[in-house]
Amino acid sequence: MLIYSAGLSVSEVVKLKLGDIDTERKRIYIKGGKGRKDGYTILSDTAMEILGHKEDLNYDK
């Protein structure tokens, strides 16, 4: 679901850490993504529900 909704490749998802997910702004920080560039992509409401409760993802980074 995360791969499809955020437009990520498998390798980008494998490299993700919980600290890369910003639930307040509904975005995901991608390190070394397409073209080896860092950037942000969207975090859909559905993907956020699947990942868990908002409170569980918002911890000190």
N, C-alpha and C. Protein backbone atom coordinates (compact mmCIF):
# COMPACT_ATOMS: atom_id res chain seq x y z
N MET A 1 0.82 -1.20 0.00
CA MET A 1 0.00 0.00 0.00
C MET A 1 0.87 1.26 0.00
N LEU A 2 1.89 1.28 0.80
CA LEU A 2 2.75 2.46 0.89
C LEU A 2 3.49 2.69 -0.42
N ILE A 3 3.90 1.63 -1.06
CA ILE A 3 4.60 1.76 -2.34
C ILE A 3 3.69 2.42 -3.36
N TYR A 4 2.46 1.96 -3.44
CA TYR A 4 1.52 2.47 -4.43
C TYR A 4 1.07 3.89 -4.11
N SER A 5 0.63 4.13 -2.88
CA SER A 5 0.03 5.42 -2.54
C SER A 5 1.04 6.56 -2.52
N ALA A 6 2.29 6.28 -2.19
CA ALA A 6 3.30 7.34 -2.12
C ALA A 6 4.19 7.37 -3.35
N GLY A 7 4.01 6.42 -4.26
CA GLY A 7 4.83 6.39 -5.47
C GLY A 7 6.27 6.02 -5.20
N LEU A 8 6.49 5.12 -4.26
CA LEU A 8 7.84 4.73 -3.87
C LEU A 8 8.26 3.43 -4.54
N SER A 9 9.55 3.25 -4.67
CA SER A 9 10.08 1.97 -5.14
C SER A 9 10.29 1.06 -3.93
N VAL A 10 10.47 -0.20 -4.18
CA VAL A 10 10.69 -1.17 -3.10
C VAL A 10 11.94 -0.80 -2.31
N SER A 11 13.01 -0.42 -2.99
CA SER A 11 14.25 -0.08 -2.29
C SER A 11 14.07 1.15 -1.40
N GLU A 12 13.23 2.09 -1.81
CA GLU A 12 12.99 3.28 -0.99
C GLU A 12 12.22 2.91 0.28
N VAL A 13 11.26 2.02 0.17
CA VAL A 13 10.49 1.59 1.33
C VAL A 13 11.36 0.79 2.30
N VAL A 14 12.24 -0.03 1.77
CA VAL A 14 13.12 -0.84 2.62
C VAL A 14 14.03 0.06 3.45
N LYS A 15 14.44 1.21 2.91
CA LYS A 15 15.35 2.12 3.61
C LYS A 15 14.65 3.03 4.62
N LEU A 16 13.32 3.05 4.63
CA LEU A 16 12.58 3.95 5.51
C LEU A 16 12.80 3.61 6.98
N LYS A 17 12.81 4.66 7.79
CA LYS A 17 12.86 4.53 9.24
C LYS A 17 11.63 5.26 9.78
N LEU A 18 11.19 4.91 10.97
CA LEU A 18 10.02 5.56 11.55
C LEU A 18 10.19 7.08 11.64
N GLY A 19 11.40 7.53 11.88
CA GLY A 19 11.67 8.96 11.96
C GLY A 19 11.49 9.69 10.64
N ASP A 20 11.42 8.95 9.54
CA ASP A 20 11.22 9.57 8.22
C ASP A 20 9.74 9.86 7.95
N ILE A 21 8.86 9.35 8.79
CA ILE A 21 7.42 9.53 8.58
C ILE A 21 6.93 10.68 9.45
N ASP A 22 6.42 11.71 8.81
CA ASP A 22 5.89 12.89 9.50
C ASP A 22 4.37 12.86 9.39
N THR A 23 3.71 12.38 10.43
CA THR A 23 2.25 12.24 10.39
C THR A 23 1.54 13.58 10.53
N GLU A 24 2.16 14.56 11.16
CA GLU A 24 1.53 15.86 11.31
C GLU A 24 1.38 16.56 9.97
N ARG A 25 2.39 16.45 9.13
CA ARG A 25 2.36 17.09 7.81
C ARG A 25 1.97 16.11 6.70
N LYS A 26 1.74 14.87 7.09
CA LYS A 26 1.36 13.80 6.16
C LYS A 26 2.34 13.68 5.00
N ARG A 27 3.60 13.47 5.36
CA ARG A 27 4.63 13.29 4.34
C ARG A 27 5.71 12.34 4.83
N ILE A 28 6.46 11.83 3.87
CA ILE A 28 7.54 10.88 4.14
C ILE A 28 8.82 11.44 3.55
N TYR A 29 9.88 11.45 4.34
CA TYR A 29 11.18 11.91 3.87
C TYR A 29 11.91 10.74 3.23
N ILE A 30 12.31 10.91 1.98
CA ILE A 30 13.00 9.87 1.23
C ILE A 30 14.46 10.26 1.07
N LYS A 31 15.36 9.39 1.54
CA LYS A 31 16.80 9.64 1.42
C LYS A 31 17.33 8.85 0.23
N GLY A 32 18.03 9.52 -0.66
CA GLY A 32 18.64 8.83 -1.80
C GLY A 32 17.61 8.18 -2.69
N GLY A 33 16.55 8.90 -2.99
CA GLY A 33 15.47 8.35 -3.83
C GLY A 33 15.84 8.33 -5.30
N LYS A 34 14.84 8.47 -6.12
CA LYS A 34 15.03 8.44 -7.56
C LYS A 34 16.04 9.51 -7.97
N GLY A 35 17.03 9.14 -8.71
CA GLY A 35 18.09 10.07 -9.08
C GLY A 35 19.04 10.37 -7.94
N ARG A 36 19.01 9.52 -6.91
CA ARG A 36 19.85 9.67 -5.71
C ARG A 36 19.66 11.02 -5.04
N LYS A 37 18.45 11.53 -5.08
CA LYS A 37 18.12 12.81 -4.45
C LYS A 37 17.25 12.56 -3.22
N ASP A 38 17.38 13.45 -2.24
CA ASP A 38 16.52 13.41 -1.07
C ASP A 38 15.29 14.25 -1.35
N GLY A 39 14.18 13.88 -0.75
CA GLY A 39 12.97 14.65 -0.95
C GLY A 39 11.82 14.11 -0.13
N TYR A 40 10.64 14.68 -0.36
CA TYR A 40 9.44 14.29 0.36
C TYR A 40 8.39 13.76 -0.60
N THR A 41 7.55 12.89 -0.09
CA THR A 41 6.39 12.41 -0.82
C THR A 41 5.22 12.39 0.16
N ILE A 42 4.02 12.24 -0.36
CA ILE A 42 2.83 12.30 0.48
C ILE A 42 2.62 11.01 1.26
N LEU A 43 1.94 11.15 2.38
CA LEU A 43 1.52 10.01 3.19
C LEU A 43 0.00 10.05 3.22
N SER A 44 -0.63 9.13 2.54
CA SER A 44 -2.09 9.13 2.46
C SER A 44 -2.71 8.73 3.80
N ASP A 45 -3.98 9.12 3.98
CA ASP A 45 -4.69 8.75 5.20
C ASP A 45 -4.81 7.24 5.34
N THR A 46 -5.06 6.57 4.23
CA THR A 46 -5.19 5.12 4.25
C THR A 46 -3.88 4.45 4.67
N ALA A 47 -2.77 4.92 4.11
CA ALA A 47 -1.46 4.36 4.47
C ALA A 47 -1.15 4.62 5.93
N MET A 48 -1.53 5.80 6.42
CA MET A 48 -1.28 6.14 7.81
C MET A 48 -2.08 5.22 8.74
N GLU A 49 -3.31 4.89 8.35
CA GLU A 49 -4.12 3.97 9.15
C GLU A 49 -3.50 2.58 9.18
N ILE A 50 -2.98 2.16 8.05
CA ILE A 50 -2.37 0.83 7.98
C ILE A 50 -1.10 0.77 8.82
N LEU A 51 -0.32 1.83 8.80
CA LEU A 51 0.93 1.87 9.57
C LEU A 51 0.69 1.87 11.07
N GLY A 52 -0.45 2.36 11.49
CA GLY A 52 -0.76 2.38 12.91
C GLY A 52 -1.36 3.70 13.32
N HIS A 53 -1.61 3.82 14.59
CA HIS A 53 -2.19 5.04 15.12
C HIS A 53 -1.21 6.19 15.00
N LYS A 54 -1.74 7.39 14.82
CA LYS A 54 -0.89 8.58 14.70
C LYS A 54 0.02 8.74 15.92
N GLU A 55 -0.54 8.47 17.08
CA GLU A 55 0.24 8.63 18.32
C GLU A 55 1.43 7.68 18.35
N ASP A 56 1.27 6.49 17.76
CA ASP A 56 2.35 5.51 17.77
C ASP A 56 3.52 5.94 16.88
N LEU A 57 3.23 6.69 15.80
CA LEU A 57 4.28 7.10 14.89
C LEU A 57 4.97 8.38 15.33
N ASN A 58 4.30 9.19 16.14
CA ASN A 58 4.89 10.45 16.60
C ASN A 58 5.66 10.23 17.89
N TYR A 59 6.92 9.97 17.75
CA TYR A 59 7.79 9.81 18.89
C TYR A 59 9.02 10.66 18.66
N ASP A 60 9.80 10.88 19.68
CA ASP A 60 11.01 11.70 19.52
C ASP A 60 11.94 11.05 18.51
N LYS A 61 12.35 11.85 17.54
CA LYS A 61 13.17 11.33 16.43
C LYS A 61 14.63 11.43 16.76
